[in-house]
Amino acid sequence: MKFSVIIPNYNGFELIKKNLPKVIESLSKFDAEIIIVDDASKQKEYQELKNFVSELDKRERITIKLIRNEKNLGFSSAVNKGTLESEGEFLVLLNTDVVPEKDFLNPIIADFEADEKLFGIGCMDKSIEGGKIVYRGRGEAAWERGFLVHRKGEVDKSDTFWISGGSSIIRKKFFEELERFDPLYNPFYWEDIDLSYRANKSGYNLLFEKRSVVEHKHSEGAIKQYYSDFKIRTIAYKNQFIFVWKNISDQNFILSHIFWLPCHLFSAIIRLDIAFFLGFILAGLSLPAIIGKRFRQKKLYKKKDSEIIAIS
């Protein structure tokens, strides 16, 4: 098995400088390559990154590639670009603030060999939040008041609703079959839930592997450093709308969404939640693209929404 590690980066040189040697160490026993996709970082940051990667590539056994976007495209597009340059059968998706433990791929290999329909595996996310350790990585979801709501699941089970775009391993040929991450979700959020959902609905399997551990320091990531809380909320709302409009096809779920939408809009007025309205408008502007993708991906589906989503 060959693994291609894809790391999207935006002004995260210091994180890469600190974490990349640890990533390399975790891959020492495996056939792997590392592809860093710089998503239009500041020129000084990029030059420092370029020099650092060049030196590492010379002295390390593992191949390290650096790709640069001249324009900031967002998470989905950055990762997709990296996968186009990849040579591995399996894609290891890591954020710059994620560090795998040594030999984290060992249980992954056995899992993929045991299930030829296995689309992807989510790692045990040892999340550092406010100085405390919270174990994440397994996702659950329910249909509540006209929307899909996802939440952290208990980590003592192996089934999962979704796998994270920042700490997961995906079978490349299935990833390509589903047309990779959807750029509609740029710059970030919901793209991994969308991909996981499409994989599940297309008849593939997802797995949470608690023996494959990564450490994740959320506070160090680029999103919270470069985006305001208001913009983050707006993007999250926008992508929540896009997910429903693009993926949900069961009639009862669609009717539920139509019924609850006016209630949510009225509630947003009462709460003066401008981010909700702006997210709704931004999603609406993408409707032509959403409808096109909705019909194109429908031919791959083998399951109903009700077979995947719990009703709450």
C-alpha atoms as a PDB file:
ATOM      1  CA  MET A   1       0.000   0.000   0.000  1.00  0.00           C
ATOM      2  CA  LYS A   2       1.204   3.486  -0.816  1.00  0.00           C
ATOM      3  CA  PHE A   3      -0.081   6.487   1.125  1.00  0.00           C
ATOM      4  CA  SER A   4      -0.228  10.093  -0.053  1.00  0.00           C
ATOM      5  CA  VAL A   5      -0.401  12.548   2.831  1.00  0.00           C
ATOM      6  CA  ILE A   6      -2.199  15.748   1.800  1.00  0.00           C
ATOM      7  CA  ILE A   7      -1.699  18.827   3.994  1.00  0.00           C
ATOM      8  CA  PRO A   8      -3.447  22.078   2.974  1.00  0.00           C
ATOM      9  CA  ASN A   9      -1.765  25.198   4.323  1.00  0.00           C
ATOM     10  CA  TYR A  10      -2.631  28.861   4.679  1.00  0.00           C
ATOM     11  CA  ASN A  11      -0.067  31.026   6.483  1.00  0.00           C
ATOM     12  CA  GLY A  12       0.793  28.092   8.719  1.00  0.00           C
ATOM     13  CA  PHE A  13       4.554  27.868   8.289  1.00  0.00           C
ATOM     14  CA  GLU A  14       5.306  27.816  12.020  1.00  0.00           C
ATOM     15  CA  LEU A  15       2.874  24.933  12.514  1.00  0.00           C
ATOM     16  CA  ILE A  16       4.379  22.981   9.629  1.00  0.00           C
ATOM     17  CA  LYS A  17       7.893  23.681  10.888  1.00  0.00           C
ATOM     18  CA  LYS A  18       6.911  22.250  14.265  1.00  0.00           C
ATOM     19  CA  ASN A  19       4.713  19.360  13.139  1.00  0.00           C
ATOM     20  CA  LEU A  20       6.027  18.103   9.789  1.00  0.00           C
ATOM     21  CA  PRO A  21       9.074  16.301  11.255  1.00  0.00           C
ATOM     22  CA  LYS A  22       6.669  14.407  13.552  1.00  0.00           C
ATOM     23  CA  VAL A  23       4.464  13.518  10.575  1.00  0.00           C
ATOM     24  CA  ILE A  24       7.524  12.213   8.735  1.00  0.00           C
ATOM     25  CA  GLU A  25       8.506  10.126  11.760  1.00  0.00           C
ATOM     26  CA  SER A  26       5.031   8.575  11.915  1.00  0.00           C
ATOM     27  CA  LEU A  27       5.424   7.448   8.292  1.00  0.00           C
ATOM     28  CA  SER A  28       8.926   5.993   8.624  1.00  0.00           C
ATOM     29  CA  LYS A  29       7.814   2.359   8.204  1.00  0.00           C
ATOM     30  CA  PHE A  30       5.433   2.963   5.308  1.00  0.00           C
ATOM     31  CA  ASP A  31       5.576   3.625   1.581  1.00  0.00           C
ATOM     32  CA  ALA A  32       4.398   7.226   1.579  1.00  0.00           C
ATOM     33  CA  GLU A  33       4.740  10.692   0.127  1.00  0.00           C
ATOM     34  CA  ILE A  34       3.774  14.080   1.537  1.00  0.00           C
ATOM     35  CA  ILE A  35       2.081  16.777  -0.537  1.00  0.00           C
ATOM     36  CA  ILE A  36       1.678  20.240   0.964  1.00  0.00           C
ATOM     37  CA  VAL A  37      -0.720  22.550  -0.869  1.00  0.00           C
ATOM     38  CA  ASP A  38      -0.084  26.182  -0.026  1.00  0.00           C
ATOM     39  CA  ASP A  39      -3.327  28.099  -0.520  1.00  0.00           C
ATOM     40  CA  ALA A  40      -1.845  31.513  -1.382  1.00  0.00           C
ATOM     41  CA  SER A  41      -0.064  32.259   1.885  1.00  0.00           C
ATOM     42  CA  LYS A  42       1.772  35.547   2.291  1.00  0.00           C
ATOM     43  CA  GLN A  43       4.883  35.632   0.115  1.00  0.00           C
ATOM     44  CA  LYS A  44       7.296  35.666   3.061  1.00  0.00           C
ATOM     45  CA  GLU A  45       5.514  32.720   4.684  1.00  0.00           C
ATOM     46  CA  TYR A  46       5.529  30.791   1.432  1.00  0.00           C
ATOM     47  CA  GLN A  47       9.222  31.414   0.821  1.00  0.00           C
ATOM     48  CA  GLU A  48      10.087  30.205   4.318  1.00  0.00           C
ATOM     49  CA  LEU A  49       7.934  27.132   3.753  1.00  0.00           C
ATOM     50  CA  LYS A  50       9.535  26.475   0.374  1.00  0.00           C
ATOM     51  CA  ASN A  51      13.056  26.626   1.823  1.00  0.00           C
ATOM     52  CA  PHE A  52      12.102  24.415   4.771  1.00  0.00           C
ATOM     53  CA  VAL A  53      10.441  21.772   2.598  1.00  0.00           C
ATOM     54  CA  SER A  54      13.373  21.792   0.171  1.00  0.00           C
ATOM     55  CA  GLU A  55      15.835  21.064   2.973  1.00  0.00           C
ATOM     56  CA  LEU A  56      13.645  18.325   4.445  1.00  0.00           C
ATOM     57  CA  ASP A  57      13.130  16.705   1.051  1.00  0.00           C
ATOM     58  CA  LYS A  58      16.898  16.502   0.537  1.00  0.00           C
ATOM     59  CA  ARG A  59      17.662  14.764   3.805  1.00  0.00           C
ATOM     60  CA  GLU A  60      14.578  12.613   4.405  1.00  0.00           C
ATOM     61  CA  ARG A  61      13.819   9.263   2.754  1.00  0.00           C
ATOM     62  CA  ILE A  62      10.239  10.292   2.085  1.00  0.00           C
ATOM     63  CA  THR A  63       9.323  12.473  -0.906  1.00  0.00           C
ATOM     64  CA  ILE A  64       7.864  15.874   0.028  1.00  0.00           C
ATOM     65  CA  LYS A  65       6.149  17.964  -2.638  1.00  0.00           C
ATOM     66  CA  LEU A  66       5.039  21.584  -2.332  1.00  0.00           C
ATOM     67  CA  ILE A  67       2.299  22.988  -4.546  1.00  0.00           C
ATOM     68  CA  ARG A  68       1.193  26.625  -4.504  1.00  0.00           C
ATOM     69  CA  ASN A  69      -2.113  28.263  -5.375  1.00  0.00           C
ATOM     70  CA  GLU A  70      -1.666  31.825  -6.595  1.00  0.00           C
ATOM     71  CA  LYS A  71      -5.145  32.622  -5.287  1.00  0.00           C
ATOM     72  CA  ASN A  72      -6.729  31.480  -2.015  1.00  0.00           C
ATOM     73  CA  LEU A  73      -9.273  28.837  -3.086  1.00  0.00           C
ATOM     74  CA  GLY A  74     -10.337  27.227   0.180  1.00  0.00           C
ATOM     75  CA  PHE A  75      -9.989  23.830   1.836  1.00  0.00           C
ATOM     76  CA  SER A  76     -11.836  21.663  -0.696  1.00  0.00           C
ATOM     77  CA  SER A  77      -9.994  23.034  -3.714  1.00  0.00           C
ATOM     78  CA  ALA A  78      -6.613  22.902  -1.984  1.00  0.00           C
ATOM     79  CA  VAL A  79      -7.008  19.250  -0.978  1.00  0.00           C
ATOM     80  CA  ASN A  80      -8.400  18.313  -4.392  1.00  0.00           C
ATOM     81  CA  LYS A  81      -5.385  19.870  -6.082  1.00  0.00           C
ATOM     82  CA  GLY A  82      -3.057  17.871  -3.864  1.00  0.00           C
ATOM     83  CA  THR A  83      -4.817  14.615  -4.679  1.00  0.00           C
ATOM     84  CA  LEU A  84      -4.383  15.262  -8.404  1.00  0.00           C
ATOM     85  CA  GLU A  85      -0.614  15.178  -7.836  1.00  0.00           C
ATOM     86  CA  SER A  86      -0.727  12.102  -5.595  1.00  0.00           C
ATOM     87  CA  GLU A  87       0.596   8.655  -6.470  1.00  0.00           C
ATOM     88  CA  GLY A  88      -0.734   6.643  -3.529  1.00  0.00           C
ATOM     89  CA  GLU A  89      -3.691   4.276  -3.399  1.00  0.00           C
ATOM     90  CA  PHE A  90      -4.782   5.884  -0.145  1.00  0.00           C
ATOM     91  CA  LEU A  91      -5.058   9.551   0.828  1.00  0.00           C
ATOM     92  CA  VAL A  92      -4.104  10.615   4.338  1.00  0.00           C
ATOM     93  CA  LEU A  93      -5.746  13.976   5.013  1.00  0.00           C
ATOM     94  CA  LEU A  94      -4.117  16.042   7.749  1.00  0.00           C
ATOM     95  CA  ASN A  95      -4.537  19.612   8.919  1.00  0.00           C
ATOM     96  CA  THR A  96      -1.422  21.606   9.804  1.00  0.00           C
ATOM     97  CA  ASP A  97      -2.361  21.442  13.508  1.00  0.00           C
ATOM     98  CA  VAL A  98      -2.699  17.641  13.505  1.00  0.00           C
ATOM     99  CA  VAL A  99       0.156  15.299  14.483  1.00  0.00           C
ATOM    100  CA  PRO A 100      -0.227  11.512  14.099  1.00  0.00           C
ATOM    101  CA  GLU A 101       1.178   9.130  16.669  1.00  0.00           C
ATOM    102  CA  LYS A 102       3.906   6.779  15.491  1.00  0.00           C
ATOM    103  CA  ASP A 103       2.665   3.816  13.412  1.00  0.00           C
ATOM    104  CA  PHE A 104      -0.883   5.226  13.341  1.00  0.00           C
ATOM    105  CA  LEU A 105      -1.346   3.578   9.945  1.00  0.00           C
ATOM    106  CA  ASN A 106      -0.864   0.008  11.211  1.00  0.00           C
ATOM    107  CA  PRO A 107      -4.530  -0.654  12.107  1.00  0.00           C
ATOM    108  CA  ILE A 108      -5.647   1.240   9.001  1.00  0.00           C
ATOM    109  CA  ILE A 109      -3.985  -1.253   6.667  1.00  0.00           C
ATOM    110  CA  ALA A 110      -5.812  -4.211   8.204  1.00  0.00           C
ATOM    111  CA  ASP A 111      -9.143  -2.354   8.079  1.00  0.00           C
ATOM    112  CA  PHE A 112      -8.881  -1.585   4.358  1.00  0.00           C
ATOM    113  CA  GLU A 113      -7.731  -5.116   3.535  1.00  0.00           C
ATOM    114  CA  ALA A 114     -10.742  -6.540   5.389  1.00  0.00           C
ATOM    115  CA  ASP A 115     -13.381  -4.463   3.552  1.00  0.00           C
ATOM    116  CA  GLU A 116     -13.146  -3.735  -0.167  1.00  0.00           C
ATOM    117  CA  LYS A 117     -16.138  -1.369   0.092  1.00  0.00           C
ATOM    118  CA  LEU A 118     -14.493   0.705   2.815  1.00  0.00           C
ATOM    119  CA  PHE A 119     -14.415   4.309   1.596  1.00  0.00           C
ATOM    120  CA  GLY A 120     -12.559   5.925   4.457  1.00  0.00           C
ATOM    121  CA  ILE A 121     -11.452   5.754   8.070  1.00  0.00           C
ATOM    122  CA  GLY A 122     -11.603   8.468  10.709  1.00  0.00           C
ATOM    123  CA  CYS A 123      -8.801   8.638  13.271  1.00  0.00           C
ATOM    124  CA  MET A 124      -9.097   8.992  17.031  1.00  0.00           C
ATOM    125  CA  ASP A 125      -8.708  12.754  17.467  1.00  0.00           C
ATOM    126  CA  LYS A 126      -6.913  13.541  20.719  1.00  0.00           C
ATOM    127  CA  SER A 127      -8.144  17.120  20.762  1.00  0.00           C
ATOM    128  CA  ILE A 128      -6.437  19.748  22.918  1.00  0.00           C
ATOM    129  CA  GLU A 129      -9.139  22.269  23.837  1.00  0.00           C
ATOM    130  CA  GLY A 130      -8.601  24.918  26.505  1.00  0.00           C
ATOM    131  CA  GLY A 131      -5.799  22.923  28.066  1.00  0.00           C
ATOM    132  CA  LYS A 132      -7.970  19.802  28.315  1.00  0.00           C
ATOM    133  CA  ILE A 133      -7.906  16.602  26.273  1.00  0.00           C
ATOM    134  CA  VAL A 134     -11.163  15.687  24.530  1.00  0.00           C
ATOM    135  CA  TYR A 135     -11.346  12.540  22.417  1.00  0.00           C
ATOM    136  CA  ARG A 136     -13.144  13.050  19.120  1.00  0.00           C
ATOM    137  CA  GLY A 137     -13.244  11.512  15.672  1.00  0.00           C
ATOM    138  CA  ARG A 138     -16.482   9.561  15.613  1.00  0.00           C
ATOM    139  CA  GLY A 139     -19.489  11.468  14.311  1.00  0.00           C
ATOM    140  CA  GLU A 140     -23.226  11.073  14.775  1.00  0.00           C
ATOM    141  CA  ALA A 141     -26.089  12.973  13.165  1.00  0.00           C
ATOM    142  CA  ALA A 142     -29.832  13.455  13.366  1.00  0.00           C
ATOM    143  CA  TRP A 143     -32.537  15.277  11.469  1.00  0.00           C
ATOM    144  CA  GLU A 144     -33.833  18.060  13.706  1.00  0.00           C
ATOM    145  CA  ARG A 145     -36.277  20.818  12.782  1.00  0.00           C
ATOM    146  CA  GLY A 146     -35.609  20.626   9.067  1.00  0.00           C
ATOM    147  CA  PHE A 147     -31.831  20.379   9.142  1.00  0.00           C
ATOM    148  CA  LEU A 148     -29.100  17.804   9.505  1.00  0.00           C
ATOM    149  CA  VAL A 149     -27.388  18.282  12.857  1.00  0.00           C
ATOM    150  CA  HIS A 150     -24.044  16.575  13.422  1.00  0.00           C
ATOM    151  CA  ARG A 151     -22.408  16.016  16.773  1.00  0.00           C
ATOM    152  CA  LYS A 152     -19.550  14.273  18.537  1.00  0.00           C
ATOM    153  CA  GLY A 153     -20.161  10.563  19.037  1.00  0.00           C
ATOM    154  CA  GLU A 154     -18.945   8.182  21.705  1.00  0.00           C
ATOM    155  CA  VAL A 155     -15.518   6.867  20.763  1.00  0.00           C
ATOM    156  CA  ASP A 156     -16.055   3.296  21.956  1.00  0.00           C
ATOM    157  CA  LYS A 157     -17.884   2.342  18.732  1.00  0.00           C
ATOM    158  CA  SER A 158     -16.522   1.772  15.233  1.00  0.00           C
ATOM    159  CA  ASP A 159     -19.412   3.004  13.073  1.00  0.00           C
ATOM    160  CA  THR A 160     -19.412   6.697  12.187  1.00  0.00           C
ATOM    161  CA  PHE A 161     -21.634   9.099  10.270  1.00  0.00           C
ATOM    162  CA  TRP A 162     -18.700  11.078   8.886  1.00  0.00           C
ATOM    163  CA  ILE A 163     -14.912  11.247   8.828  1.00  0.00           C
ATOM    164  CA  SER A 164     -12.936  14.448   9.289  1.00  0.00           C
ATOM    165  CA  GLY A 165     -11.131  16.130   6.410  1.00  0.00           C
ATOM    166  CA  GLY A 166      -8.294  16.921   8.820  1.00  0.00           C
ATOM    167  CA  SER A 167      -7.568  13.455  10.206  1.00  0.00           C
ATOM    168  CA  SER A 168      -8.721  10.620   7.967  1.00  0.00           C
ATOM    169  CA  ILE A 169      -7.571   8.083   5.404  1.00  0.00           C
ATOM    170  CA  ILE A 170      -9.556   7.636   2.174  1.00  0.00           C
ATOM    171  CA  ARG A 171      -9.392   5.118  -0.654  1.00  0.00           C
ATOM    172  CA  LYS A 172      -8.356   7.278  -3.599  1.00  0.00           C
ATOM    173  CA  LYS A 173     -10.301   5.512  -6.361  1.00  0.00           C
ATOM    174  CA  PHE A 174     -13.583   5.967  -4.460  1.00  0.00           C
ATOM    175  CA  PHE A 175     -12.699   9.597  -3.702  1.00  0.00           C
ATOM    176  CA  GLU A 176     -12.229  10.217  -7.424  1.00  0.00           C
ATOM    177  CA  GLU A 177     -15.422   8.351  -8.302  1.00  0.00           C
ATOM    178  CA  LEU A 178     -17.382  10.771  -6.085  1.00  0.00           C
ATOM    179  CA  GLU A 179     -15.619  13.747  -7.732  1.00  0.00           C
ATOM    180  CA  ARG A 180     -13.544  14.608  -4.655  1.00  0.00           C
ATOM    181  CA  PHE A 181     -14.492  17.342  -2.167  1.00  0.00           C
ATOM    182  CA  ASP A 182     -17.137  19.760  -3.409  1.00  0.00           C
ATOM    183  CA  PRO A 183     -15.730  23.306  -3.884  1.00  0.00           C
ATOM    184  CA  LEU A 184     -19.208  24.702  -3.156  1.00  0.00           C
ATOM    185  CA  TYR A 185     -18.240  24.420   0.512  1.00  0.00           C
ATOM    186  CA  ASN A 186     -15.179  26.643   0.187  1.00  0.00           C
ATOM    187  CA  PRO A 187     -13.541  28.167   2.114  1.00  0.00           C
ATOM    188  CA  PHE A 188     -14.234  25.574   4.855  1.00  0.00           C
ATOM    189  CA  TYR A 189     -16.720  23.478   6.881  1.00  0.00           C
ATOM    190  CA  TRP A 190     -19.182  20.735   5.895  1.00  0.00           C
ATOM    191  CA  GLU A 191     -17.118  19.499   2.926  1.00  0.00           C
ATOM    192  CA  ASP A 192     -16.081  16.364   4.825  1.00  0.00           C
ATOM    193  CA  ILE A 193     -19.626  15.716   6.043  1.00  0.00           C
ATOM    194  CA  ASP A 194     -20.872  16.114   2.466  1.00  0.00           C
ATOM    195  CA  LEU A 195     -18.258  13.693   1.118  1.00  0.00           C
ATOM    196  CA  SER A 196     -18.945  11.156   3.867  1.00  0.00           C
ATOM    197  CA  TYR A 197     -22.684  11.391   3.258  1.00  0.00           C
ATOM    198  CA  ARG A 198     -22.325  10.898  -0.484  1.00  0.00           C
ATOM    199  CA  ALA A 199     -20.049   7.913   0.119  1.00  0.00           C
ATOM    200  CA  ASN A 200     -22.539   6.363   2.524  1.00  0.00           C
ATOM    201  CA  LYS A 201     -25.495   7.034   0.249  1.00  0.00           C
ATOM    202  CA  SER A 202     -23.557   5.506  -2.670  1.00  0.00           C
ATOM    203  CA  GLY A 203     -23.163   2.227  -0.797  1.00  0.00           C
ATOM    204  CA  TYR A 204     -19.661   2.594   0.625  1.00  0.00           C
ATOM    205  CA  ASN A 205     -18.658   2.073   4.247  1.00  0.00           C
ATOM    206  CA  LEU A 206     -17.097   4.431   6.792  1.00  0.00           C
ATOM    207  CA  LEU A 207     -15.169   3.396   9.875  1.00  0.00           C
ATOM    208  CA  PHE A 208     -13.873   5.044  13.036  1.00  0.00           C
ATOM    209  CA  GLU A 209     -10.549   3.553  14.121  1.00  0.00           C
ATOM    210  CA  LYS A 210      -9.805   4.355  17.765  1.00  0.00           C
ATOM    211  CA  ARG A 211      -6.382   2.683  17.549  1.00  0.00           C
ATOM    212  CA  SER A 212      -5.215   5.222  14.962  1.00  0.00           C
ATOM    213  CA  VAL A 213      -4.513   8.287  17.107  1.00  0.00           C
ATOM    214  CA  VAL A 214      -3.688  11.869  16.138  1.00  0.00           C
ATOM    215  CA  GLU A 215      -3.170  14.903  18.353  1.00  0.00           C
ATOM    216  CA  HIS A 216      -5.117  17.996  17.338  1.00  0.00           C
ATOM    217  CA  LYS A 217      -4.503  21.450  18.791  1.00  0.00           C
ATOM    218  CA  HIS A 218      -7.579  23.320  17.554  1.00  0.00           C
ATOM    219  CA  SER A 219      -6.539  26.770  18.761  1.00  0.00           C
ATOM    220  CA  GLU A 220      -3.505  26.747  16.472  1.00  0.00           C
ATOM    221  CA  GLY A 221      -5.369  26.303  13.187  1.00  0.00           C
ATOM    222  CA  ALA A 222      -5.738  28.972  10.506  1.00  0.00           C
ATOM    223  CA  ILE A 223      -9.523  29.416  10.638  1.00  0.00           C
ATOM    224  CA  LYS A 224      -9.740  31.032  14.063  1.00  0.00           C
ATOM    225  CA  GLN A 225      -6.656  33.126  13.366  1.00  0.00           C
ATOM    226  CA  TYR A 226      -7.797  34.655  10.090  1.00  0.00           C
ATOM    227  CA  TYR A 227     -11.606  34.677  10.230  1.00  0.00           C
ATOM    228  CA  SER A 228     -13.930  36.534  12.585  1.00  0.00           C
ATOM    229  CA  ASP A 229     -16.557  34.646  14.579  1.00  0.00           C
ATOM    230  CA  PHE A 230     -19.256  36.317  12.476  1.00  0.00           C
ATOM    231  CA  LYS A 231     -17.707  35.158   9.200  1.00  0.00           C
ATOM    232  CA  ILE A 232     -17.181  31.638  10.528  1.00  0.00           C
ATOM    233  CA  ARG A 233     -20.843  31.434  11.565  1.00  0.00           C
ATOM    234  CA  THR A 234     -21.997  32.812   8.211  1.00  0.00           C
ATOM    235  CA  ILE A 235     -19.972  30.216   6.313  1.00  0.00           C
ATOM    236  CA  ALA A 236     -21.233  27.420   8.570  1.00  0.00           C
ATOM    237  CA  TYR A 237     -24.869  28.462   7.997  1.00  0.00           C
ATOM    238  CA  LYS A 238     -24.315  28.774   4.242  1.00  0.00           C
ATOM    239  CA  ASN A 239     -22.861  25.303   4.010  1.00  0.00           C
ATOM    240  CA  GLN A 240     -25.561  23.784   6.196  1.00  0.00           C
ATOM    241  CA  PHE A 241     -28.132  25.038   3.681  1.00  0.00           C
ATOM    242  CA  ILE A 242     -26.053  23.785   0.748  1.00  0.00           C
ATOM    243  CA  PHE A 243     -25.812  20.322   2.295  1.00  0.00           C
ATOM    244  CA  VAL A 244     -29.589  19.958   2.612  1.00  0.00           C
ATOM    245  CA  TRP A 245     -30.419  21.384  -0.803  1.00  0.00           C
ATOM    246  CA  LYS A 246     -27.763  19.295  -2.545  1.00  0.00           C
ATOM    247  CA  ASN A 247     -28.055  15.923  -0.815  1.00  0.00           C
ATOM    248  CA  ILE A 248     -31.452  15.359   0.795  1.00  0.00           C
ATOM    249  CA  SER A 249     -33.942  13.544  -1.430  1.00  0.00           C
ATOM    250  CA  ASP A 250     -36.429  11.746   0.862  1.00  0.00           C
ATOM    251  CA  GLN A 251     -39.768  13.529   0.552  1.00  0.00           C
ATOM    252  CA  ASN A 252     -40.489  13.654   4.282  1.00  0.00           C
ATOM    253  CA  PHE A 253     -37.131  15.320   4.973  1.00  0.00           C
ATOM    254  CA  ILE A 254     -37.669  17.843   2.179  1.00  0.00           C
ATOM    255  CA  LEU A 255     -41.137  18.718   3.494  1.00  0.00           C
ATOM    256  CA  SER A 256     -39.699  19.037   6.996  1.00  0.00           C
ATOM    257  CA  HIS A 257     -37.085  21.497   5.730  1.00  0.00           C
ATOM    258  CA  ILE A 258     -39.713  23.577   3.904  1.00  0.00           C
ATOM    259  CA  PHE A 259     -41.946  23.602   7.001  1.00  0.00           C
ATOM    260  CA  TRP A 260     -39.222  24.626   9.460  1.00  0.00           C
ATOM    261  CA  LEU A 261     -37.381  27.163   7.290  1.00  0.00           C
ATOM    262  CA  PRO A 262     -39.814  30.082   7.943  1.00  0.00           C
ATOM    263  CA  CYS A 263     -39.607  29.297  11.663  1.00  0.00           C
ATOM    264  CA  HIS A 264     -35.805  29.488  11.588  1.00  0.00           C
ATOM    265  CA  LEU A 265     -35.891  32.740   9.616  1.00  0.00           C
ATOM    266  CA  PHE A 266     -38.344  34.283  12.087  1.00  0.00           C
ATOM    267  CA  SER A 267     -36.229  33.103  15.010  1.00  0.00           C
ATOM    268  CA  ALA A 268     -33.156  34.678  13.398  1.00  0.00           C
ATOM    269  CA  ILE A 269     -35.041  38.004  13.204  1.00  0.00           C
ATOM    270  CA  ILE A 270     -35.860  37.842  16.910  1.00  0.00           C
ATOM    271  CA  ARG A 271     -32.248  36.985  17.764  1.00  0.00           C
ATOM    272  CA  LEU A 272     -30.842  39.528  15.282  1.00  0.00           C
ATOM    273  CA  ASP A 273     -28.807  36.687  13.810  1.00  0.00           C
ATOM    274  CA  ILE A 274     -27.539  38.406  10.666  1.00  0.00           C
ATOM    275  CA  ALA A 275     -25.122  35.541   9.966  1.00  0.00           C
ATOM    276  CA  PHE A 276     -28.066  33.163   9.440  1.00  0.00           C
ATOM    277  CA  PHE A 277     -29.687  35.463   6.861  1.00  0.00           C
ATOM    278  CA  LEU A 278     -26.409  36.075   5.068  1.00  0.00           C
ATOM    279  CA  GLY A 279     -25.665  32.349   4.995  1.00  0.00           C
ATOM    280  CA  PHE A 280     -29.122  31.706   3.530  1.00  0.00           C
ATOM    281  CA  ILE A 281     -28.589  34.339   0.815  1.00  0.00           C
ATOM    282  CA  LEU A 282     -25.099  33.085  -0.069  1.00  0.00           C
ATOM    283  CA  ALA A 283     -26.392  29.529  -0.361  1.00  0.00           C
ATOM    284  CA  GLY A 284     -29.235  30.771  -2.551  1.00  0.00           C
ATOM    285  CA  LEU A 285     -26.743  32.352  -4.941  1.00  0.00           C
ATOM    286  CA  SER A 286     -25.260  28.879  -5.478  1.00  0.00           C
ATOM    287  CA  LEU A 287     -28.614  27.253  -6.319  1.00  0.00           C
ATOM    288  CA  PRO A 288     -27.891  26.678 -10.048  1.00  0.00           C
ATOM    289  CA  ALA A 289     -24.684  24.800  -9.183  1.00  0.00           C
ATOM    290  CA  ILE A 290     -26.392  22.954  -6.319  1.00  0.00           C
ATOM    291  CA  ILE A 291     -29.224  21.746  -8.563  1.00  0.00           C
ATOM    292  CA  GLY A 292     -26.786  20.603 -11.256  1.00  0.00           C
ATOM    293  CA  LYS A 293     -24.746  18.568  -8.796  1.00  0.00           C
ATOM    294  CA  ARG A 294     -27.863  17.211  -7.123  1.00  0.00           C
ATOM    295  CA  PHE A 295     -29.023  15.591 -10.353  1.00  0.00           C
ATOM    296  CA  ARG A 296     -25.549  14.433 -11.386  1.00  0.00           C
ATOM    297  CA  GLN A 297     -24.764  12.619  -8.146  1.00  0.00           C
ATOM    298  CA  LYS A 298     -28.231  11.055  -7.879  1.00  0.00           C
ATOM    299  CA  LYS A 299     -27.245   8.261 -10.284  1.00  0.00           C
ATOM    300  CA  LEU A 300     -24.659   6.969  -7.774  1.00  0.00           C
ATOM    301  CA  TYR A 301     -27.032   6.681  -4.821  1.00  0.00           C
ATOM    302  CA  LYS A 302     -28.075   3.280  -3.474  1.00  0.00           C
ATOM    303  CA  LYS A 303     -29.573   4.287  -0.120  1.00  0.00           C
ATOM    304  CA  LYS A 304     -32.372   6.545   1.071  1.00  0.00           C
ATOM    305  CA  ASP A 305     -31.741   9.370   3.520  1.00  0.00           C
ATOM    306  CA  SER A 306     -33.864   7.570   6.110  1.00  0.00           C
ATOM    307  CA  GLU A 307     -31.432   4.638   6.024  1.00  0.00           C
ATOM    308  CA  ILE A 308     -28.573   6.940   7.026  1.00  0.00           C
ATOM    309  CA  ILE A 309     -30.000   9.692   9.235  1.00  0.00           C
ATOM    310  CA  ALA A 310     -31.655   9.193  12.599  1.00  0.00           C
ATOM    311  CA  ILE A 311     -34.833  11.224  13.125  1.00  0.00           C
ATOM    312  CA  SER A 312     -34.848  13.281  16.312  1.00  0.00           C
END
